[in-house]
C-alpha atoms as a PDB file:
ATOM      1  CA  UNK A   1       9.896  48.406 -76.924  1.00  0.00           C
ATOM      2  CA  UNK A   2      12.714  46.186 -78.811  1.00  0.00           C
ATOM      3  CA  UNK A   3      15.256  44.128 -76.434  1.00  0.00           C
ATOM      4  CA  UNK A   4      18.295  42.157 -77.512  1.00  0.00           C
ATOM      5  CA  UNK A   5      19.094  38.963 -75.665  1.00  0.00           C
ATOM      6  CA  UNK A   6      22.381  36.869 -75.533  1.00  0.00           C
ATOM      7  CA  UNK A   7      23.191  33.889 -73.830  1.00  0.00           C
ATOM      8  CA  UNK A   8      20.553  31.479 -74.899  1.00  0.00           C
ATOM      9  CA  UNK A   9      20.636  27.796 -75.215  1.00  0.00           C
ATOM     10  CA  UNK A  10      20.842  26.983 -79.074  1.00  0.00           C
ATOM     11  CA  UNK A  11      18.130  24.765 -79.003  1.00  0.00           C
ATOM     12  CA  UNK A  12      15.619  27.663 -77.996  1.00  0.00           C
ATOM     13  CA  UNK A  13      13.163  29.008 -80.593  1.00  0.00           C
ATOM     14  CA  UNK A  14      11.108  31.436 -81.275  1.00  0.00           C
ATOM     15  CA  UNK A  15       7.881  29.719 -78.886  1.00  0.00           C
ATOM     16  CA  UNK A  16      10.006  29.346 -76.371  1.00  0.00           C
ATOM     17  CA  UNK A  17      11.547  32.657 -75.835  1.00  0.00           C
ATOM     18  CA  UNK A  18       7.699  34.381 -75.914  1.00  0.00           C
ATOM     19  CA  UNK A  19       7.347  31.985 -72.703  1.00  0.00           C
ATOM     20  CA  UNK A  20      10.197  33.379 -71.416  1.00  0.00           C
ATOM     21  CA  UNK A  21       9.083  36.925 -71.913  1.00  0.00           C
ATOM     22  CA  UNK A  22       5.887  36.740 -71.859  1.00  0.00           C
ATOM     23  CA  UNK A  23       5.112  36.980 -68.024  1.00  0.00           C
ATOM     24  CA  UNK A  24       6.633  40.107 -68.255  1.00  0.00           C
ATOM     25  CA  UNK A  25       3.783  41.160 -70.791  1.00  0.00           C
ATOM     26  CA  UNK A  26       2.419  41.360 -74.401  1.00  0.00           C
ATOM     27  CA  UNK A  27       4.550  39.910 -76.641  1.00  0.00           C
ATOM     28  CA  UNK A  28       4.431  41.882 -80.152  1.00  0.00           C
ATOM     29  CA  UNK A  29       7.157  39.377 -81.508  1.00  0.00           C
ATOM     30  CA  UNK A  30      10.175  37.225 -80.650  1.00  0.00           C
ATOM     31  CA  UNK A  31      12.674  35.583 -83.167  1.00  0.00           C
ATOM     32  CA  UNK A  32      15.733  34.018 -82.132  1.00  0.00           C
ATOM     33  CA  UNK A  33      18.780  34.863 -84.434  1.00  0.00           C
ATOM     34  CA  UNK A  34      19.720  31.383 -86.925  1.00  0.00           C
ATOM     35  CA  UNK A  35      22.223  30.608 -89.464  1.00  0.00           C
ATOM     36  CA  UNK A  36      21.132  30.678 -92.984  1.00  0.00           C
ATOM     37  CA  UNK A  37      24.107  27.595 -94.199  1.00  0.00           C
ATOM     38  CA  UNK A  38      23.593  25.470 -90.863  1.00  0.00           C
ATOM     39  CA  UNK A  39      19.752  26.671 -89.632  1.00  0.00           C
ATOM     40  CA  UNK A  40      21.117  26.526 -86.389  1.00  0.00           C
ATOM     41  CA  UNK A  41      20.662  29.187 -83.569  1.00  0.00           C
ATOM     42  CA  UNK A  42      23.579  31.544 -82.976  1.00  0.00           C
ATOM     43  CA  UNK A  43      22.365  32.116 -79.480  1.00  0.00           C
ATOM     44  CA  UNK A  44      21.081  35.800 -79.315  1.00  0.00           C
ATOM     45  CA  UNK A  45      17.447  36.892 -80.730  1.00  0.00           C
ATOM     46  CA  UNK A  46      15.057  40.032 -79.988  1.00  0.00           C
ATOM     47  CA  UNK A  47      12.087  40.340 -78.784  1.00  0.00           C
ATOM     48  CA  UNK A  48       9.755  43.375 -78.951  1.00  0.00           C
ATOM     49  CA  UNK A  49       6.658  44.601 -76.106  1.00  0.00           C
ATOM     50  CA  UNK A  50       4.284  46.620 -76.606  1.00  0.00           C
ATOM     51  CA  UNK A  51       4.383  48.753 -72.918  1.00  0.00           C
ATOM     52  CA  UNK A  52       8.476  50.104 -72.193  1.00  0.00           C
ATOM     53  CA  UNK A  53       7.982  49.464 -68.684  1.00  0.00           C
ATOM     54  CA  UNK A  54       6.899  45.717 -69.028  1.00  0.00           C
ATOM     55  CA  UNK A  55       9.439  45.395 -70.978  1.00  0.00           C
ATOM     56  CA  UNK A  56      12.039  47.350 -68.717  1.00  0.00           C
ATOM     57  CA  UNK A  57      11.136  44.892 -65.942  1.00  0.00           C
ATOM     58  CA  UNK A  58      11.669  42.011 -68.417  1.00  0.00           C
ATOM     59  CA  UNK A  59      15.255  43.674 -68.806  1.00  0.00           C
ATOM     60  CA  UNK A  60      16.078  43.686 -64.942  1.00  0.00           C
ATOM     61  CA  UNK A  61      14.253  40.800 -63.666  1.00  0.00           C
ATOM     62  CA  UNK A  62      16.166  38.508 -67.357  1.00  0.00           C
ATOM     63  CA  UNK A  63      19.313  39.921 -67.252  1.00  0.00           C
ATOM     64  CA  UNK A  64      22.546  37.828 -66.136  1.00  0.00           C
ATOM     65  CA  UNK A  65      20.485  34.641 -64.830  1.00  0.00           C
ATOM     66  CA  UNK A  66      20.890  31.236 -66.720  1.00  0.00           C
ATOM     67  CA  UNK A  67      18.910  29.038 -68.497  1.00  0.00           C
ATOM     68  CA  UNK A  68      21.764  26.844 -70.028  1.00  0.00           C
ATOM     69  CA  UNK A  69      25.741  27.384 -69.997  1.00  0.00           C
ATOM     70  CA  UNK A  70      25.744  31.260 -69.783  1.00  0.00           C
ATOM     71  CA  UNK A  71      24.354  34.026 -67.699  1.00  0.00           C
ATOM     72  CA  UNK A  72      21.812  35.454 -70.018  1.00  0.00           C
ATOM     73  CA  UNK A  73      22.609  39.226 -71.623  1.00  0.00           C
ATOM     74  CA  UNK A  74      18.988  40.670 -71.784  1.00  0.00           C
ATOM     75  CA  UNK A  75      19.009  44.541 -72.448  1.00  0.00           C
ATOM     76  CA  UNK A  76      17.099  47.725 -74.667  1.00  0.00           C
ATOM     77  CA  UNK A  77      18.390  46.851 -78.295  1.00  0.00           C
ATOM     78  CA  UNK A  78      20.128  49.404 -79.711  1.00  0.00           C
ATOM     79  CA  UNK A  79      18.601  50.985 -82.875  1.00  0.00           C
ATOM     80  CA  UNK A  80      19.957  50.009 -86.522  1.00  0.00           C
ATOM     81  CA  UNK A  81      20.381  53.874 -86.926  1.00  0.00           C
ATOM     82  CA  UNK A  82      22.916  54.540 -83.993  1.00  0.00           C
ATOM     83  CA  UNK A  83      26.045  53.134 -85.739  1.00  0.00           C
ATOM     84  CA  UNK A  84      28.538  55.110 -87.231  1.00  0.00           C
ATOM     85  CA  UNK A  85      28.301  55.206 -91.176  1.00  0.00           C
ATOM     86  CA  UNK A  86      30.112  54.485 -93.500  1.00  0.00           C
ATOM     87  CA  UNK A  87      30.538  50.955 -92.523  1.00  0.00           C
ATOM     88  CA  UNK A  88      34.241  51.214 -91.243  1.00  0.00           C
ATOM     89  CA  UNK A  89      36.418  49.558 -94.507  1.00  0.00           C
ATOM     90  CA  UNK A  90      37.756  52.933 -95.501  1.00  0.00           C
ATOM     91  CA  UNK A  91      37.735  55.530 -93.634  1.00  0.00           C
ATOM     92  CA  UNK A  92      38.689  57.863 -96.077  1.00  0.00           C
ATOM     93  CA  UNK A  93      35.488  57.991 -98.173  1.00  0.00           C
ATOM     94  CA  UNK A  94      36.695  58.947-102.234  1.00  0.00           C
ATOM     95  CA  UNK A  95      39.783  56.821-102.102  1.00  0.00           C
ATOM     96  CA  UNK A  96      43.268  55.939-100.541  1.00  0.00           C
ATOM     97  CA  UNK A  97      42.583  59.789 -99.456  1.00  0.00           C
ATOM     98  CA  UNK A  98      46.320  60.180 -99.718  1.00  0.00           C
ATOM     99  CA  UNK A  99      47.705  62.918-101.810  1.00  0.00           C
ATOM    100  CA  UNK A 100      50.179  61.321-105.124  1.00  0.00           C
ATOM    101  CA  UNK A 101      53.758  62.059-104.222  1.00  0.00           C
ATOM    102  CA  UNK A 102      55.719  64.123-105.817  1.00  0.00           C
ATOM    103  CA  UNK A 103      59.823  64.240-107.209  1.00  0.00           C
ATOM    104  CA  UNK A 104      61.933  61.963-105.634  1.00  0.00           C
ATOM    105  CA  UNK A 105      63.708  58.883-107.429  1.00  0.00           C
ATOM    106  CA  UNK A 106      60.437  56.813-107.820  1.00  0.00           C
ATOM    107  CA  UNK A 107      60.982  54.320-104.944  1.00  0.00           C
ATOM    108  CA  UNK A 108      59.123  55.715-101.621  1.00  0.00           C
ATOM    109  CA  UNK A 109      60.630  58.702-101.412  1.00  0.00           C
ATOM    110  CA  UNK A 110      60.128  59.971 -98.236  1.00  0.00           C
ATOM    111  CA  UNK A 111      59.178  57.124 -96.790  1.00  0.00           C
ATOM    112  CA  UNK A 112      56.072  58.739 -95.097  1.00  0.00           C
ATOM    113  CA  UNK A 113      53.526  55.995 -95.675  1.00  0.00           C
ATOM    114  CA  UNK A 114      55.495  53.158 -96.022  1.00  0.00           C
ATOM    115  CA  UNK A 115      53.885  51.073 -93.575  1.00  0.00           C
ATOM    116  CA  UNK A 116      49.956  52.502 -94.088  1.00  0.00           C
ATOM    117  CA  UNK A 117      48.400  49.069 -95.116  1.00  0.00           C
ATOM    118  CA  UNK A 118      49.831  47.348 -91.798  1.00  0.00           C
ATOM    119  CA  UNK A 119      47.156  48.915 -89.640  1.00  0.00           C
END
């Protein structure tokens, strides 16, 4: 099972993340997310554990404890495929999705989508 953990101290590394979780069972991998530009921790990471029951025990035991200034958030990692398709920037595939206007004087006739770019 893959576990997401947030609220990590910014000086915590991968090996220390393993140390925190290995008391609950076998760790397959542990990775603290690092900022590519600064090389510093982003304060969250992922752990993959071999046994689901052990992973659930780790989640239950470690969620909401404090390692530093903030309490940890420890939960089952969401599958990357569970996000909505499309990325969210344009909710209408294939362009704007508005039919071309016809008639009128050519300058905002009707006005029904005059404010569409405000959102």
